[in-house]
N, C-alpha and C. Protein backbone atom coordinates (compact mmCIF):
# COMPACT_ATOMS: atom_id res chain seq x y z
N UNK A 1 5.95 9.79 -16.02
CA UNK A 1 5.28 8.63 -15.46
C UNK A 1 6.30 7.65 -14.88
N UNK A 2 5.93 7.03 -13.82
CA UNK A 2 6.80 6.03 -13.21
C UNK A 2 6.48 4.65 -13.77
N UNK A 3 7.46 3.76 -13.68
CA UNK A 3 7.29 2.38 -14.13
C UNK A 3 7.17 1.47 -12.91
N UNK A 4 6.87 0.21 -13.16
CA UNK A 4 6.78 -0.75 -12.05
C UNK A 4 8.11 -0.84 -11.31
N UNK A 5 9.22 -0.80 -12.04
CA UNK A 5 10.55 -0.89 -11.41
C UNK A 5 10.81 0.29 -10.48
N UNK A 6 10.24 1.45 -10.78
CA UNK A 6 10.42 2.63 -9.93
C UNK A 6 9.74 2.48 -8.57
N UNK A 7 8.73 1.65 -8.51
CA UNK A 7 7.93 1.47 -7.29
C UNK A 7 8.49 0.29 -6.49
N UNK A 8 9.59 0.54 -5.78
CA UNK A 8 10.24 -0.55 -5.04
C UNK A 8 10.30 -0.30 -3.53
N UNK A 9 9.67 0.75 -3.05
CA UNK A 9 9.61 1.01 -1.60
C UNK A 9 8.28 0.46 -1.09
N UNK A 10 8.30 -0.76 -0.61
CA UNK A 10 7.06 -1.43 -0.24
C UNK A 10 6.75 -1.31 1.25
N UNK A 11 5.48 -1.49 1.54
CA UNK A 11 5.01 -1.59 2.92
C UNK A 11 3.89 -2.63 2.93
N UNK A 12 3.96 -3.53 3.87
CA UNK A 12 2.92 -4.54 4.04
C UNK A 12 2.12 -4.21 5.28
N UNK A 13 0.81 -4.22 5.10
CA UNK A 13 -0.11 -3.94 6.21
C UNK A 13 -1.18 -5.02 6.23
N UNK A 14 -1.83 -5.14 7.37
CA UNK A 14 -2.88 -6.13 7.51
C UNK A 14 -4.13 -5.53 8.13
N UNK A 15 -5.26 -6.07 7.72
CA UNK A 15 -6.55 -5.72 8.31
C UNK A 15 -7.51 -6.88 8.08
N UNK A 16 -8.46 -7.02 8.97
CA UNK A 16 -9.50 -8.03 8.79
C UNK A 16 -10.80 -7.39 8.32
N UNK A 17 -10.75 -6.11 7.98
CA UNK A 17 -11.95 -5.35 7.63
C UNK A 17 -11.82 -4.85 6.19
N UNK A 18 -12.72 -5.31 5.32
CA UNK A 18 -12.67 -4.92 3.92
C UNK A 18 -12.82 -3.41 3.74
N UNK A 19 -13.63 -2.76 4.54
CA UNK A 19 -13.79 -1.31 4.44
C UNK A 19 -12.47 -0.60 4.77
N UNK A 20 -11.73 -1.11 5.73
CA UNK A 20 -10.44 -0.52 6.08
C UNK A 20 -9.45 -0.73 4.94
N UNK A 21 -9.52 -1.88 4.28
CA UNK A 21 -8.67 -2.10 3.12
C UNK A 21 -8.91 -1.00 2.08
N UNK A 22 -10.15 -0.67 1.83
CA UNK A 22 -10.45 0.38 0.86
C UNK A 22 -9.94 1.74 1.34
N UNK A 23 -9.98 1.99 2.61
CA UNK A 23 -9.40 3.22 3.16
C UNK A 23 -7.89 3.25 2.95
N UNK A 24 -7.23 2.14 3.18
CA UNK A 24 -5.78 2.05 2.98
C UNK A 24 -5.42 2.26 1.52
N UNK A 25 -6.22 1.70 0.62
CA UNK A 25 -5.97 1.91 -0.81
C UNK A 25 -6.09 3.39 -1.17
N UNK A 26 -7.08 4.06 -0.62
CA UNK A 26 -7.25 5.49 -0.88
C UNK A 26 -6.08 6.29 -0.30
N UNK A 27 -5.62 5.92 0.88
CA UNK A 27 -4.48 6.61 1.48
C UNK A 27 -3.20 6.39 0.67
N UNK A 28 -3.04 5.21 0.11
CA UNK A 28 -1.88 4.95 -0.74
C UNK A 28 -1.92 5.83 -1.98
N UNK A 29 -3.08 5.96 -2.57
CA UNK A 29 -3.25 6.84 -3.73
C UNK A 29 -2.94 8.28 -3.35
N UNK A 30 -3.40 8.71 -2.20
CA UNK A 30 -3.16 10.06 -1.70
C UNK A 30 -1.67 10.30 -1.46
N UNK A 31 -1.00 9.33 -0.86
CA UNK A 31 0.40 9.50 -0.46
C UNK A 31 1.35 9.55 -1.65
N UNK A 32 1.03 8.83 -2.72
CA UNK A 32 1.88 8.82 -3.93
C UNK A 32 1.56 10.08 -4.73
N UNK A 33 2.31 11.14 -4.48
CA UNK A 33 2.00 12.45 -5.04
C UNK A 33 2.25 12.56 -6.54
N UNK A 34 3.21 11.81 -7.06
CA UNK A 34 3.56 11.90 -8.48
C UNK A 34 3.64 10.50 -9.07
N UNK A 35 3.70 10.44 -10.39
CA UNK A 35 3.88 9.16 -11.06
C UNK A 35 2.58 8.41 -11.23
N UNK A 36 2.70 7.15 -11.54
CA UNK A 36 1.56 6.30 -11.81
C UNK A 36 0.99 5.75 -10.50
N UNK A 37 -0.05 6.36 -10.04
CA UNK A 37 -0.63 5.99 -8.74
C UNK A 37 -1.23 4.59 -8.75
N UNK A 38 -1.65 4.12 -9.90
CA UNK A 38 -2.27 2.80 -9.97
C UNK A 38 -1.30 1.68 -9.61
N UNK A 39 -0.02 1.92 -9.88
CA UNK A 39 0.99 0.91 -9.54
C UNK A 39 1.06 0.73 -8.03
N UNK A 40 0.89 1.79 -7.28
CA UNK A 40 1.01 1.76 -5.81
C UNK A 40 0.09 0.71 -5.20
N UNK A 41 -1.15 0.68 -5.63
CA UNK A 41 -2.11 -0.23 -5.00
C UNK A 41 -2.42 -1.45 -5.85
N UNK A 42 -1.60 -1.71 -6.87
CA UNK A 42 -1.77 -2.93 -7.66
C UNK A 42 -1.61 -4.16 -6.78
N UNK A 43 -2.49 -5.11 -6.95
CA UNK A 43 -2.43 -6.34 -6.16
C UNK A 43 -3.03 -6.22 -4.77
N UNK A 44 -3.88 -5.19 -4.57
CA UNK A 44 -4.49 -5.00 -3.24
C UNK A 44 -6.02 -5.05 -3.30
N UNK A 45 -6.57 -5.62 -4.36
CA UNK A 45 -8.03 -5.74 -4.44
C UNK A 45 -8.51 -6.79 -3.44
N UNK A 46 -9.81 -6.84 -3.24
CA UNK A 46 -10.39 -7.76 -2.25
C UNK A 46 -9.94 -9.21 -2.45
N UNK A 47 -9.92 -9.75 -3.67
CA UNK A 47 -9.45 -11.13 -3.82
C UNK A 47 -7.98 -11.31 -3.41
N UNK A 48 -7.15 -10.32 -3.71
CA UNK A 48 -5.73 -10.38 -3.30
C UNK A 48 -5.63 -10.37 -1.78
N UNK A 49 -6.40 -9.50 -1.17
CA UNK A 49 -6.43 -9.37 0.29
C UNK A 49 -6.87 -10.70 0.93
N UNK A 50 -7.90 -11.31 0.37
CA UNK A 50 -8.36 -12.60 0.91
C UNK A 50 -7.28 -13.67 0.77
N UNK A 51 -6.65 -13.72 -0.42
CA UNK A 51 -5.56 -14.69 -0.65
C UNK A 51 -4.41 -14.46 0.32
N UNK A 52 -4.16 -13.20 0.67
CA UNK A 52 -3.07 -12.85 1.58
C UNK A 52 -3.43 -12.99 3.05
N UNK A 53 -4.60 -13.53 3.35
CA UNK A 53 -5.00 -13.70 4.75
C UNK A 53 -5.20 -12.39 5.47
N UNK A 54 -5.57 -11.33 4.72
CA UNK A 54 -5.80 -10.03 5.32
C UNK A 54 -4.62 -9.08 5.20
N UNK A 55 -3.55 -9.53 4.56
CA UNK A 55 -2.36 -8.69 4.36
C UNK A 55 -2.27 -8.25 2.91
N UNK A 56 -1.82 -7.02 2.68
CA UNK A 56 -1.57 -6.51 1.34
C UNK A 56 -0.29 -5.70 1.35
N UNK A 57 0.26 -5.51 0.15
CA UNK A 57 1.52 -4.77 0.01
C UNK A 57 1.31 -3.61 -0.95
N UNK A 58 1.69 -2.42 -0.52
CA UNK A 58 1.68 -1.24 -1.36
C UNK A 58 3.12 -0.92 -1.72
N UNK A 59 3.33 -0.43 -2.96
CA UNK A 59 4.68 -0.11 -3.40
C UNK A 59 4.73 1.31 -3.93
N UNK A 60 5.63 2.10 -3.35
CA UNK A 60 5.74 3.53 -3.66
C UNK A 60 7.03 3.80 -4.43
N UNK A 61 7.06 4.92 -5.15
CA UNK A 61 8.25 5.26 -5.94
C UNK A 61 9.28 6.05 -5.13
N UNK A 62 8.90 6.53 -3.98
CA UNK A 62 9.84 7.26 -3.11
C UNK A 62 9.58 6.87 -1.66
N UNK A 63 10.64 6.82 -0.84
CA UNK A 63 10.42 6.44 0.56
C UNK A 63 9.55 7.45 1.30
N UNK A 64 9.63 8.73 0.93
CA UNK A 64 8.80 9.72 1.63
C UNK A 64 7.31 9.52 1.35
N UNK A 65 6.98 8.96 0.19
CA UNK A 65 5.57 8.67 -0.08
C UNK A 65 5.09 7.53 0.82
N UNK A 66 5.95 6.54 1.01
CA UNK A 66 5.62 5.43 1.91
C UNK A 66 5.47 5.94 3.34
N UNK A 67 6.38 6.83 3.75
CA UNK A 67 6.30 7.40 5.10
C UNK A 67 5.02 8.21 5.28
N UNK A 68 4.64 8.93 4.25
CA UNK A 68 3.40 9.71 4.32
C UNK A 68 2.19 8.78 4.45
N UNK A 69 2.18 7.70 3.69
CA UNK A 69 1.10 6.71 3.80
C UNK A 69 0.99 6.20 5.24
N UNK A 70 2.11 5.80 5.80
CA UNK A 70 2.10 5.26 7.16
C UNK A 70 1.64 6.31 8.16
N UNK A 71 2.14 7.52 8.05
CA UNK A 71 1.76 8.59 8.97
C UNK A 71 0.27 8.90 8.89
N UNK A 72 -0.27 8.96 7.68
CA UNK A 72 -1.69 9.26 7.52
C UNK A 72 -2.57 8.11 8.00
N UNK A 73 -2.13 6.88 7.76
CA UNK A 73 -2.89 5.73 8.26
C UNK A 73 -2.92 5.73 9.79
N UNK A 74 -1.79 6.04 10.41
CA UNK A 74 -1.73 6.11 11.87
C UNK A 74 -2.59 7.25 12.40
N UNK A 75 -2.63 8.35 11.68
CA UNK A 75 -3.40 9.51 12.12
C UNK A 75 -4.91 9.29 11.96
N UNK A 76 -5.32 8.65 10.91
CA UNK A 76 -6.73 8.60 10.55
C UNK A 76 -7.46 7.31 10.93
N UNK A 77 -6.75 6.21 11.03
CA UNK A 77 -7.41 4.93 11.27
C UNK A 77 -7.10 4.41 12.67
N UNK A 78 -8.08 3.84 13.34
CA UNK A 78 -7.82 3.28 14.68
C UNK A 78 -6.76 2.18 14.62
N UNK A 79 -5.90 2.15 15.59
CA UNK A 79 -4.83 1.16 15.61
C UNK A 79 -5.36 -0.27 15.71
N UNK A 80 -6.58 -0.43 16.15
CA UNK A 80 -7.19 -1.76 16.25
C UNK A 80 -7.73 -2.23 14.90
N UNK A 81 -7.79 -1.34 13.90
CA UNK A 81 -8.39 -1.68 12.61
C UNK A 81 -7.38 -2.21 11.60
N UNK A 82 -6.11 -1.96 11.83
CA UNK A 82 -5.08 -2.39 10.88
C UNK A 82 -3.75 -2.51 11.60
N UNK A 83 -2.77 -3.13 10.94
CA UNK A 83 -1.44 -3.25 11.56
C UNK A 83 -0.34 -3.15 10.51
N UNK A 84 0.76 -2.60 10.92
CA UNK A 84 1.99 -2.55 10.12
C UNK A 84 2.65 -3.90 10.22
N UNK A 85 2.99 -4.50 9.07
CA UNK A 85 3.64 -5.81 9.06
C UNK A 85 5.14 -5.66 8.79
N UNK A 86 5.49 -4.84 7.79
CA UNK A 86 6.90 -4.67 7.45
C UNK A 86 7.07 -3.79 6.23
N UNK A 87 8.33 -3.51 5.90
CA UNK A 87 8.63 -2.70 4.73
C UNK A 87 9.94 -3.17 4.12
N UNK A 88 10.15 -2.80 2.85
CA UNK A 88 11.34 -3.21 2.12
C UNK A 88 11.66 -2.12 1.10
N UNK A 89 12.93 -1.77 0.98
CA UNK A 89 13.35 -0.75 0.02
C UNK A 89 13.68 -1.31 -1.35
N UNK A 90 13.75 -2.61 -1.49
CA UNK A 90 14.11 -3.25 -2.76
C UNK A 90 13.10 -4.32 -3.13
N UNK A 91 11.86 -3.93 -3.29
CA UNK A 91 10.76 -4.85 -3.57
C UNK A 91 9.91 -4.28 -4.71
N UNK A 92 10.41 -4.35 -5.96
CA UNK A 92 9.74 -3.71 -7.07
C UNK A 92 8.36 -4.28 -7.37
N UNK A 93 7.50 -3.40 -7.82
CA UNK A 93 6.16 -3.80 -8.25
C UNK A 93 6.26 -4.59 -9.55
N UNK A 94 5.20 -5.30 -9.88
CA UNK A 94 5.13 -6.06 -11.12
C UNK A 94 3.72 -5.93 -11.68
N UNK A 95 3.61 -6.16 -12.97
CA UNK A 95 2.29 -6.05 -13.62
C UNK A 95 1.34 -7.08 -13.03
N UNK A 96 0.14 -6.64 -12.75
CA UNK A 96 -0.90 -7.52 -12.23
C UNK A 96 -1.66 -8.10 -13.42
N UNK A 97 -2.05 -9.36 -13.31
CA UNK A 97 -2.80 -9.98 -14.41
C UNK A 97 -4.28 -9.75 -14.28
């Protein structure tokens, strides 16, 4: 199992559509092939998304999982439905309250 510290490859994305947010959460779960998948999408629930002004951050345990998430999102979702904001290799996850 992976820990929160292991999940430090982050990607921030934005959408104004709650249904697309749920699609992105599912893609993050899909892309994280091993470890604790719940850590990946921690802090991306609807209230978090609203507080973030439509932006959320997913954190993966390996850069290739993050790359897979991005590739699948680009392949499956219309580019008008969401946007890539940024990424960071040293942005560890933390426990959500």
